Amino acid sequence: MPIEPALEQFLDQVPQLDWSLDPVSFREQSAARLALLPVTTPLPKVEDGVIPGPGGEIPVRFYHPSADPDLPVTVFCHGGGFVIGDLESHDALCRTTAKESGSIVMAVDYRLSPEHAFPAALEDGFAAYVWAREHAREWGGDPSRIALAGDSAGASITAGVCLMARDRGVPQPVLQLLWYPATGLDETPSRKRFADAAMLGAQAMAFFHRHHFGAISRREAVPYGAVSLADDLSGLAPAYVLVAGNDPLLDEGIAYAGQLRAAGVPTQLDVQEEMVHGFLNFADLLPSCRAAAQPSLTALREALRH
């Protein structure tokens, strides 16, 4: 499918990233590009904090959609190939998610690669989920209504954390919301078809894979770092899988939704044909991106009502 016209015009104006940079310089370049995006969703309360993690304190940010008590909670892990991204890079998306879902969003600033390679980000994501379950009432949350959400690499963390929770005896969230997740390690037709995509192409994926997995073997990455290769996907939280029609990760997202269904996991697949990888970050700027995000946000709200 062609890219939605307004989105395509916007992408033509976005400065391209230099994938030859070292990770530190690349983060600076990426942050400067994201700083150009507007933040237009005011909330009554946004506060930063820290929680204990396996490698030290983990910075978090709480987005409160209202002052009501016992609100549902969404634990959010940001995208960025496990190498870039922080509490600022996805601030707009977290604000939108809090407002549209009616939940307190707890954004997790997990450790980044290559300084903290696999599985550091996953372990931080798991620690944040467990902490949220144990401490939600302290900041107005309802521990019985907690969802996990993430985009791109953050969706990979979300999916991996659900597997970890099952294997470690921790209750599942009410929903795992996976926005254009990376779920495997292999080439797919869509990875080849969109190798030159502006937002995420072959060069970008090689950069992220090299810095995140490093010398980690395929066997060591499975199952938590490549959930589609897990032997058993049963017993996981209901899933909402959103994929973009012009995204290298399209095929593996669709395939993972099918694997979850085959394992008996209630799963909704949402294919946004005219969108690209990362479009959620433009939801405050482009009406088409906001409209494409809305079904998943509505599903999150519905899952958290019960």
Protein backbone atom coordinates (compact mmCIF):
# COMPACT_ATOMS: atom_id res chain seq x y z
CA MET A 1 0.00 0.00 0.00
CA PRO A 2 1.17 3.57 -0.62
CA ILE A 3 2.02 5.76 2.34
CA GLU A 4 -0.72 8.17 3.41
CA PRO A 5 -0.03 11.38 1.44
CA ALA A 6 0.34 13.82 4.34
CA LEU A 7 2.61 11.39 6.17
CA GLU A 8 4.71 10.85 3.06
CA GLN A 9 5.09 14.60 2.57
CA PHE A 10 6.13 14.98 6.21
CA LEU A 11 8.71 12.18 5.95
CA ASP A 12 10.26 13.86 2.92
CA GLN A 13 11.08 16.84 5.16
CA VAL A 14 12.46 14.88 8.14
CA PRO A 15 16.28 15.00 8.43
CA GLN A 16 17.83 11.60 7.84
CA LEU A 17 19.96 9.98 10.53
CA ASP A 18 23.64 9.13 10.08
CA TRP A 19 24.02 5.42 10.82
CA SER A 20 27.82 5.64 10.70
CA LEU A 21 27.91 7.52 14.02
CA ASP A 22 28.84 5.94 17.32
CA PRO A 23 25.86 5.28 19.66
CA VAL A 24 26.44 8.35 21.85
CA SER A 25 26.60 10.76 18.89
CA PHE A 26 23.70 8.98 17.25
CA ARG A 27 21.55 9.51 20.36
CA GLU A 28 22.27 13.23 20.24
CA GLN A 29 21.29 13.40 16.57
CA SER A 30 18.12 11.40 17.14
CA ALA A 31 17.10 13.49 20.16
CA ALA A 32 17.53 16.69 18.16
CA ARG A 33 15.22 15.33 15.46
CA LEU A 34 12.55 14.25 17.94
CA ALA A 35 12.72 17.64 19.67
CA LEU A 36 11.13 19.14 16.55
CA LEU A 37 7.87 17.29 17.26
CA PRO A 38 5.14 19.16 19.15
CA VAL A 39 3.68 18.13 22.49
CA THR A 40 0.03 19.15 22.55
CA THR A 41 -1.62 16.93 25.18
CA PRO A 42 -1.72 18.64 28.58
CA LEU A 43 -2.27 16.44 31.64
CA PRO A 44 -3.09 17.43 35.21
CA LYS A 45 -0.03 15.71 36.66
CA VAL A 46 3.26 14.44 35.24
CA GLU A 47 6.04 13.53 37.63
CA ASP A 48 9.43 11.83 37.47
CA GLY A 49 10.77 9.23 39.87
CA VAL A 50 13.14 6.31 40.24
CA ILE A 51 12.50 2.68 41.09
CA PRO A 52 14.92 -0.10 42.05
CA GLY A 53 16.23 -2.26 39.23
CA PRO A 54 18.64 -5.15 38.71
CA GLY A 55 21.40 -2.77 37.58
CA GLY A 56 20.64 0.18 39.83
CA GLU A 57 17.89 2.77 39.88
CA ILE A 58 15.58 2.99 36.85
CA PRO A 59 14.21 6.46 35.99
CA VAL A 60 10.45 6.46 35.40
CA ARG A 61 7.80 9.04 34.59
CA PHE A 62 4.17 8.94 35.71
CA TYR A 63 1.47 10.45 33.49
CA HIS A 64 -1.83 10.98 35.34
CA PRO A 65 -4.91 11.57 33.16
CA SER A 66 -6.93 12.75 36.17
CA ALA A 67 -6.81 13.07 39.94
CA ASP A 68 -9.21 10.17 40.43
CA PRO A 69 -8.06 7.37 42.76
CA ASP A 70 -7.56 3.74 41.76
CA LEU A 71 -6.89 4.41 38.10
CA PRO A 72 -5.71 1.59 35.85
CA VAL A 73 -2.02 1.52 34.96
CA THR A 74 -0.10 1.11 31.71
CA VAL A 75 3.60 0.30 32.02
CA PHE A 76 5.22 1.63 28.83
CA CYS A 77 8.62 0.80 27.30
CA HIS A 78 9.81 3.08 24.51
CA GLY A 79 11.19 2.17 21.11
CA GLY A 80 14.59 3.02 19.67
CA GLY A 81 16.24 -0.26 18.79
CA PHE A 82 17.39 -0.71 22.41
CA VAL A 83 20.09 1.90 21.64
CA ILE A 84 18.29 5.26 21.63
CA GLY A 85 15.25 6.75 23.31
CA ASP A 86 14.43 7.92 26.82
CA LEU A 87 11.67 9.58 28.81
CA GLU A 88 11.71 12.61 26.50
CA SER A 89 11.65 10.80 23.16
CA HIS A 90 8.21 9.30 23.74
CA ASP A 91 6.73 11.96 26.01
CA ALA A 92 4.05 12.93 23.49
CA LEU A 93 3.00 9.32 22.94
CA CYS A 94 2.79 8.67 26.68
CA ARG A 95 0.62 11.76 27.17
CA THR A 96 -1.72 10.65 24.41
CA THR A 97 -1.86 7.12 25.79
CA ALA A 98 -2.70 8.34 29.29
CA LYS A 99 -5.46 10.62 28.04
CA GLU A 100 -7.04 8.18 25.59
CA SER A 101 -6.81 5.09 27.81
CA GLY A 102 -7.72 6.78 31.08
CA SER A 103 -4.76 5.08 32.73
CA ILE A 104 -1.71 6.24 34.62
CA VAL A 105 1.16 5.62 32.22
CA MET A 106 4.44 4.66 33.88
CA ALA A 107 7.18 5.18 31.29
CA VAL A 108 10.34 3.17 31.89
CA ASP A 109 13.79 4.58 31.04
CA TYR A 110 15.47 1.18 30.79
CA ARG A 111 19.20 0.70 30.28
CA LEU A 112 20.41 1.08 26.69
CA SER A 113 22.83 -0.88 24.54
CA PRO A 114 25.71 -1.16 23.88
CA GLU A 115 26.67 0.06 27.36
CA HIS A 116 24.16 -2.41 28.78
CA ALA A 117 23.60 -5.10 26.18
CA PHE A 118 20.95 -7.82 26.08
CA PRO A 119 19.21 -8.76 28.35
CA ALA A 120 19.57 -5.58 30.48
CA ALA A 121 16.61 -3.77 28.89
CA LEU A 122 14.37 -6.81 29.33
CA GLU A 123 15.34 -7.26 32.95
CA ASP A 124 14.62 -3.59 33.62
CA GLY A 125 11.25 -3.91 31.93
CA PHE A 126 10.40 -6.95 34.03
CA ALA A 127 11.53 -5.23 37.23
CA ALA A 128 9.38 -2.20 36.39
CA TYR A 129 6.32 -4.38 35.81
CA VAL A 130 6.78 -6.22 39.11
CA TRP A 131 7.37 -2.94 40.95
CA ALA A 132 4.23 -1.40 39.45
CA ARG A 133 2.16 -4.36 40.62
CA GLU A 134 3.52 -4.02 44.15
CA HIS A 135 3.41 -0.23 44.50
CA ALA A 136 0.58 1.00 42.25
CA ARG A 137 -1.63 2.13 45.12
CA GLU A 138 1.10 4.48 46.36
CA TRP A 139 0.60 6.72 43.33
CA GLY A 140 -3.12 6.27 42.70
CA GLY A 141 -3.03 3.11 40.59
CA ASP A 142 -5.10 -0.05 40.74
CA PRO A 143 -2.76 -3.09 40.85
CA SER A 144 -5.52 -5.36 39.55
CA ARG A 145 -5.71 -3.42 36.27
CA ILE A 146 -2.23 -3.16 34.79
CA ALA A 147 -1.39 -3.36 31.09
CA LEU A 148 1.97 -3.52 29.36
CA ALA A 149 2.61 -1.49 26.22
CA GLY A 150 5.52 -0.62 23.99
CA ASP A 151 6.45 0.45 20.49
CA SER A 152 9.10 -1.21 18.30
CA ALA A 153 11.92 -2.29 20.63
CA GLY A 154 9.63 -1.41 23.53
CA ALA A 155 7.04 -3.81 22.11
CA SER A 156 9.73 -6.49 21.99
CA ILE A 157 10.43 -5.81 25.67
CA THR A 158 6.71 -5.95 26.44
CA ALA A 159 6.32 -9.32 24.73
CA GLY A 160 9.46 -10.65 26.41
CA VAL A 161 8.31 -9.46 29.83
CA CYS A 162 5.04 -11.37 29.41
CA LEU A 163 7.04 -14.54 28.75
CA MET A 164 9.30 -13.81 31.72
CA ALA A 165 6.30 -13.20 33.98
CA ARG A 166 4.76 -16.53 33.00
CA ASP A 167 8.01 -18.41 33.51
CA ARG A 168 8.79 -16.68 36.82
CA GLY A 169 5.35 -17.07 38.34
CA VAL A 170 4.24 -13.44 38.11
CA PRO A 171 0.61 -12.75 37.10
CA GLN A 172 0.02 -11.58 33.56
CA PRO A 173 -1.10 -8.03 32.70
CA VAL A 174 -4.64 -7.50 31.47
CA LEU A 175 -3.25 -6.72 28.00
CA GLN A 176 0.03 -6.68 26.10
CA LEU A 177 -0.19 -3.84 23.59
CA LEU A 178 2.45 -4.40 20.92
CA TRP A 179 2.92 -1.48 18.55
CA TYR A 180 4.91 -2.64 15.47
CA PRO A 181 7.01 -5.18 17.42
CA ALA A 182 10.29 -6.78 16.38
CA THR A 183 9.72 -10.42 17.24
CA GLY A 184 12.35 -12.44 15.36
CA LEU A 185 15.93 -12.55 14.14
CA ASP A 186 15.49 -13.66 10.53
CA GLU A 187 15.04 -11.94 7.19
CA THR A 188 11.43 -11.70 6.05
CA PRO A 189 9.93 -10.52 2.76
CA SER A 190 8.90 -7.22 4.36
CA ARG A 191 12.39 -6.64 5.78
CA LYS A 192 13.72 -6.98 2.24
CA ARG A 193 10.88 -5.02 0.61
CA PHE A 194 11.32 -2.03 2.90
CA ALA A 195 15.10 -2.17 3.21
CA ASP A 196 15.32 1.48 2.17
CA ALA A 197 12.46 2.74 4.34
CA ALA A 198 13.00 6.21 5.78
CA MET A 199 12.07 5.45 9.38
CA LEU A 200 13.54 1.97 9.73
CA GLY A 201 15.52 0.29 6.98
CA ALA A 202 18.12 -2.44 6.66
CA GLN A 203 20.97 -0.16 7.71
CA ALA A 204 19.11 0.91 10.83
CA MET A 205 18.20 -2.64 11.78
CA ALA A 206 21.79 -3.80 11.37
CA PHE A 207 22.97 -0.91 13.56
CA PHE A 208 20.54 -1.74 16.34
CA HIS A 209 21.12 -5.50 16.18
CA ARG A 210 24.89 -5.09 16.30
CA HIS A 211 24.83 -2.84 19.34
CA HIS A 212 22.07 -4.66 21.23
CA PHE A 213 22.92 -8.31 20.76
CA GLY A 214 26.65 -7.96 20.10
CA ALA A 215 28.25 -11.38 20.33
CA ILE A 216 25.15 -12.98 21.88
CA SER A 217 24.32 -16.23 20.12
CA ARG A 218 20.94 -16.97 18.60
CA ARG A 219 20.34 -19.61 21.28
CA GLU A 220 21.00 -17.08 24.05
CA ALA A 221 18.56 -14.56 22.55
CA VAL A 222 15.66 -17.03 22.59
CA PRO A 223 12.99 -16.84 23.89
CA TYR A 224 12.90 -13.46 25.62
CA GLY A 225 14.83 -11.50 22.99
CA ALA A 226 13.11 -13.11 20.00
CA VAL A 227 9.66 -14.11 21.14
CA SER A 228 8.55 -15.59 17.83
CA LEU A 229 11.16 -18.31 18.28
CA ALA A 230 9.83 -19.38 21.70
CA ASP A 231 8.73 -23.01 21.92
CA ASP A 232 5.67 -22.21 24.03
CA LEU A 233 3.50 -19.08 23.88
CA SER A 234 0.60 -20.40 25.92
CA GLY A 235 -0.62 -18.74 29.09
CA LEU A 236 0.21 -15.20 28.02
CA ALA A 237 -1.87 -12.05 28.40
CA PRO A 238 -4.37 -11.14 25.69
CA ALA A 239 -2.55 -9.26 22.94
CA TYR A 240 -3.22 -6.36 20.63
CA VAL A 241 -0.70 -6.33 17.79
CA LEU A 242 -0.52 -3.24 15.58
CA VAL A 243 1.57 -3.31 12.42
CA ALA A 244 2.22 -0.70 9.75
CA GLY A 245 1.79 -1.59 6.10
CA ASN A 246 5.06 0.10 5.05
CA ASP A 247 7.33 -1.31 7.76
CA PRO A 248 10.14 -3.89 7.60
CA LEU A 249 8.59 -5.45 10.73
CA LEU A 250 5.21 -5.98 9.05
CA ASP A 251 5.54 -9.70 8.35
CA GLU A 252 6.91 -10.74 11.73
CA GLY A 253 4.22 -8.78 13.55
CA ILE A 254 1.49 -10.50 11.55
CA ALA A 255 3.16 -13.87 12.04
CA TYR A 256 3.51 -13.37 15.79
CA ALA A 257 -0.18 -12.53 16.11
CA GLY A 258 -0.90 -15.83 14.36
CA GLN A 259 1.45 -17.71 16.68
CA LEU A 260 -0.26 -16.24 19.73
CA ARG A 261 -3.68 -17.24 18.44
CA ALA A 262 -2.44 -20.75 17.71
CA ALA A 263 -1.24 -20.96 21.31
CA GLY A 264 -4.69 -20.02 22.60
CA VAL A 265 -3.90 -16.38 23.43
CA PRO A 266 -6.76 -13.98 22.58
CA THR A 267 -5.17 -11.70 20.00
CA GLN A 268 -6.35 -8.78 17.91
CA LEU A 269 -4.35 -7.85 14.82
CA ASP A 270 -4.54 -4.27 13.54
CA VAL A 271 -2.93 -3.64 10.14
CA GLN A 272 -2.61 0.08 9.39
CA GLU A 273 -1.94 -0.18 5.67
CA GLU A 274 -0.89 3.41 4.92
CA MET A 275 1.36 3.89 7.95
CA VAL A 276 5.12 3.53 8.48
CA HIS A 277 7.29 2.37 11.35
CA GLY A 278 7.25 4.91 14.16
CA PHE A 279 4.10 6.72 13.04
CA LEU A 280 2.77 6.91 16.61
CA ASN A 281 5.36 9.58 17.36
CA PHE A 282 3.63 11.83 14.83
CA ALA A 283 0.10 11.46 16.26
CA ASP A 284 0.12 15.00 17.68
CA LEU A 285 1.19 16.40 14.31
CA LEU A 286 -0.72 14.47 11.67
CA PRO A 287 -4.45 13.63 11.91
CA SER A 288 -3.91 10.47 9.86
CA CYS A 289 -1.43 9.14 12.41
CA ARG A 290 -3.75 9.99 15.30
CA ALA A 291 -6.61 8.20 13.54
CA ALA A 292 -4.43 5.14 12.93
CA ALA A 293 -3.45 5.04 16.61
CA GLN A 294 -7.00 5.38 17.92
CA PRO A 295 -8.24 1.76 17.60
CA SER A 296 -5.34 0.45 19.68
CA LEU A 297 -5.83 3.14 22.33
CA THR A 298 -9.53 2.31 22.49
CA ALA A 299 -8.69 -1.37 22.91
CA LEU A 300 -6.34 -0.47 25.76
CA ARG A 301 -9.05 1.56 27.48
CA GLU A 302 -11.53 -1.31 27.12
CA ALA A 303 -9.09 -3.90 28.48
CA LEU A 304 -8.38 -1.75 31.52
CA ARG A 305 -12.05 -1.19 32.37
CA HIS A 306 -12.57 -4.70 33.73
